[in-house]
Amino acid sequence: MEQNGWGPPAVDLNFLKSGLGVLKLVQMLLSLAGFIVAQITASPYNWEQMQAFGWISLIIFILTLGMFTIFLASWHRSDIVARVNWPLVDFCHSALCLLLWAVNLILTITAMRSFHYWGWHRQGGPISCLILAIVSLVTFWATVRMSYRRWHLFSPTPTIPYHYQQLGTEPYS
């Protein structure tokens, strides 16, 4: 699995089996589903909220796909980016996506409130988006907690210098 520089990536199949790998896959599927549902179910009564929901979901999908690819292709172990604190990067990514899903939840609640005057028979899209937003918030919260623990577990301390930590277990192996 060792690679030098940016050579051909060594695919880390253990990442797919790890908790983080499974969470990233679920998050990508939820984000893509959010984009598709918002694009299909947008009506004239909630067009702006559902379009914003869809595009924010697509942005989250692209960001998560990028992080997933970096870890799956083992680019985080490359010599070129060896100094990057990957648990911190993953923590920031997960925290940003958590905030974006919170915005999506607010947009969905706003879209549902506008339906109060138009009847409940048109609630299919916003209710699906509400469920997607809640489940995505839970999955990203789990990733934030996991990344935060790994970030503090593998950060250098005065008694354990950084270069000794590289000899031990890596946070995403």
Protein backbone atom coordinates (compact mmCIF):
# COMPACT_ATOMS: atom_id res chain seq x y z
CA MET A 1 0.00 0.00 0.00
CA GLU A 2 2.97 2.29 0.23
CA GLN A 3 3.23 4.82 -2.53
CA ASN A 4 5.78 7.49 -3.33
CA GLY A 5 4.68 10.92 -4.45
CA TRP A 6 1.54 11.13 -6.55
CA GLY A 7 2.06 7.79 -8.31
CA PRO A 8 -0.79 5.47 -9.05
CA PRO A 9 -3.04 5.38 -6.02
CA ALA A 10 -3.11 2.32 -3.84
CA VAL A 11 -6.78 1.67 -3.12
CA ASP A 12 -7.36 1.13 0.59
CA LEU A 13 -10.14 -1.44 0.79
CA ASN A 14 -9.93 -1.38 4.57
CA PHE A 15 -11.23 2.19 4.44
CA LEU A 16 -14.45 0.91 2.83
CA LYS A 17 -14.90 -1.48 5.75
CA SER A 18 -14.15 1.12 8.42
CA GLY A 19 -16.79 3.12 10.23
CA LEU A 20 -15.64 6.33 8.56
CA GLY A 21 -15.77 4.76 5.10
CA VAL A 22 -19.30 3.49 5.62
CA LEU A 23 -20.41 6.87 7.01
CA LYS A 24 -18.91 8.70 4.01
CA LEU A 25 -20.74 6.37 1.61
CA VAL A 26 -24.04 6.89 3.43
CA GLN A 27 -23.48 10.66 3.48
CA MET A 28 -22.80 10.73 -0.26
CA LEU A 29 -25.95 8.70 -0.97
CA LEU A 30 -28.08 10.94 1.28
CA SER A 31 -26.70 14.10 -0.32
CA LEU A 32 -27.29 12.80 -3.83
CA ALA A 33 -30.80 11.68 -2.87
CA GLY A 34 -31.43 15.14 -1.39
CA PHE A 35 -30.42 16.80 -4.64
CA ILE A 36 -32.59 14.49 -6.74
CA VAL A 37 -35.65 14.75 -4.48
CA ALA A 38 -35.40 18.54 -4.31
CA GLN A 39 -35.11 18.84 -8.09
CA ILE A 40 -38.04 16.51 -8.74
CA THR A 41 -40.46 17.79 -6.11
CA ALA A 42 -39.96 21.55 -6.35
CA SER A 43 -43.27 23.28 -6.98
CA PRO A 44 -44.12 26.94 -7.66
CA TYR A 45 -45.03 27.36 -3.99
CA ASN A 46 -41.62 26.41 -2.63
CA TRP A 47 -39.37 26.76 -5.68
CA GLU A 48 -36.65 28.88 -4.06
CA GLN A 49 -36.32 26.77 -0.89
CA MET A 50 -36.24 23.45 -2.75
CA GLN A 51 -33.74 24.69 -5.34
CA ALA A 52 -31.47 25.97 -2.56
CA PHE A 53 -31.88 22.63 -0.76
CA GLY A 54 -30.91 20.77 -3.92
CA TRP A 55 -27.82 22.83 -4.67
CA ILE A 56 -26.59 22.75 -1.08
CA SER A 57 -27.04 18.96 -1.14
CA LEU A 58 -25.02 18.79 -4.36
CA ILE A 59 -22.22 20.87 -2.81
CA ILE A 60 -22.16 18.52 0.19
CA PHE A 61 -22.04 15.53 -2.16
CA ILE A 62 -19.05 16.95 -4.06
CA LEU A 63 -17.16 17.81 -0.86
CA THR A 64 -17.80 14.35 0.63
CA LEU A 65 -16.86 12.64 -2.63
CA GLY A 66 -13.55 14.52 -2.55
CA MET A 67 -12.77 13.43 1.01
CA PHE A 68 -13.88 9.86 0.26
CA THR A 69 -11.61 9.72 -2.80
CA ILE A 70 -8.62 11.08 -0.87
CA PHE A 71 -8.96 8.39 1.80
CA LEU A 72 -9.93 5.54 -0.53
CA ALA A 73 -7.05 6.23 -2.94
CA SER A 74 -4.62 6.60 -0.01
CA TRP A 75 -3.56 10.05 -1.17
CA HIS A 76 -3.46 11.10 2.48
CA ARG A 77 -0.44 8.80 2.89
CA SER A 78 1.45 10.37 0.01
CA ASP A 79 4.88 11.91 0.70
CA ILE A 80 3.77 15.22 -0.79
CA VAL A 81 0.95 15.73 1.72
CA ALA A 82 2.48 13.88 4.67
CA ARG A 83 2.46 17.01 6.83
CA VAL A 84 -1.27 17.65 6.45
CA ASN A 85 -3.25 16.91 9.59
CA TRP A 86 -5.89 14.70 7.93
CA PRO A 87 -8.03 14.16 11.03
CA LEU A 88 -8.30 17.96 11.33
CA VAL A 89 -9.19 18.27 7.63
CA ASP A 90 -11.86 15.60 8.02
CA PHE A 91 -13.18 17.31 11.16
CA CYS A 92 -13.46 20.67 9.35
CA HIS A 93 -15.12 19.00 6.35
CA SER A 94 -17.65 17.21 8.56
CA ALA A 95 -18.37 20.35 10.61
CA LEU A 96 -18.93 22.40 7.45
CA CYS A 97 -21.27 19.76 6.01
CA LEU A 98 -23.10 19.57 9.34
CA LEU A 99 -23.73 23.33 9.16
CA LEU A 100 -24.86 23.07 5.53
CA TRP A 101 -27.32 20.30 6.44
CA ALA A 102 -28.61 22.50 9.28
CA VAL A 103 -29.28 25.20 6.66
CA ASN A 104 -31.07 22.58 4.55
CA LEU A 105 -33.20 21.63 7.55
CA ILE A 106 -34.19 25.29 8.02
CA LEU A 107 -35.00 25.58 4.30
CA THR A 108 -37.18 22.48 4.50
CA ILE A 109 -39.08 23.75 7.54
CA THR A 110 -39.60 27.06 5.73
CA ALA A 111 -40.90 25.23 2.65
CA MET A 112 -43.28 23.20 4.81
CA ARG A 113 -44.63 26.31 6.53
CA SER A 114 -45.43 27.88 3.17
CA PHE A 115 -47.63 24.84 2.43
CA HIS A 116 -49.88 25.65 5.35
CA TYR A 117 -52.04 27.70 2.98
CA TRP A 118 -51.93 25.26 0.08
CA GLY A 119 -52.79 21.96 1.78
CA TRP A 120 -51.00 18.86 2.97
CA HIS A 121 -51.44 16.97 -0.30
CA ARG A 122 -48.40 18.81 -1.68
CA GLN A 123 -46.06 17.95 1.20
CA GLY A 124 -44.34 14.86 -0.31
CA GLY A 125 -41.15 16.64 -1.37
CA PRO A 126 -40.58 18.71 1.76
CA ILE A 127 -41.37 15.78 4.06
CA SER A 128 -38.85 13.58 2.20
CA CYS A 129 -36.29 16.38 2.38
CA LEU A 130 -36.99 16.82 6.09
CA ILE A 131 -36.29 13.13 6.73
CA LEU A 132 -33.13 13.28 4.58
CA ALA A 133 -31.93 16.39 6.44
CA ILE A 134 -32.48 14.84 9.87
CA VAL A 135 -30.75 11.55 8.97
CA SER A 136 -27.87 13.45 7.33
CA LEU A 137 -27.45 15.65 10.38
CA VAL A 138 -27.15 12.52 12.52
CA THR A 139 -24.57 10.91 10.20
CA PHE A 140 -22.47 14.07 9.96
CA TRP A 141 -22.68 14.54 13.74
CA ALA A 142 -21.29 11.02 14.13
CA THR A 143 -18.47 11.86 11.70
CA VAL A 144 -17.71 15.12 13.52
CA ARG A 145 -17.41 13.26 16.83
CA MET A 146 -15.28 10.51 15.28
CA SER A 147 -12.98 12.99 13.51
CA TYR A 148 -12.67 15.15 16.62
CA ARG A 149 -11.54 12.15 18.68
CA ARG A 150 -9.06 11.07 16.02
CA TRP A 151 -7.76 14.61 15.65
CA HIS A 152 -7.00 14.83 19.39
CA LEU A 153 -5.76 11.26 19.59
CA PHE A 154 -3.19 11.77 16.82
CA SER A 155 -2.17 15.37 17.44
CA PRO A 156 1.42 15.89 18.57
CA THR A 157 2.02 16.39 22.27
CA PRO A 158 5.13 17.53 24.17
CA THR A 159 5.83 13.94 25.22
CA ILE A 160 5.07 12.26 21.87
CA PRO A 161 6.65 14.14 18.94
CA TYR A 162 4.86 14.07 15.60
CA HIS A 163 7.44 11.93 13.79
CA TYR A 164 7.04 9.12 16.35
CA GLN A 165 3.32 9.09 15.78
CA GLN A 166 3.87 8.39 12.09
CA LEU A 167 5.53 5.09 13.03
CA GLY A 168 2.47 3.84 14.88
CA THR A 169 -1.09 3.29 13.81
CA GLU A 170 -2.39 5.85 11.36
CA PRO A 171 -5.76 7.42 12.09
CA TYR A 172 -7.35 6.34 8.80
CA SER A 173 -5.81 2.96 8.13
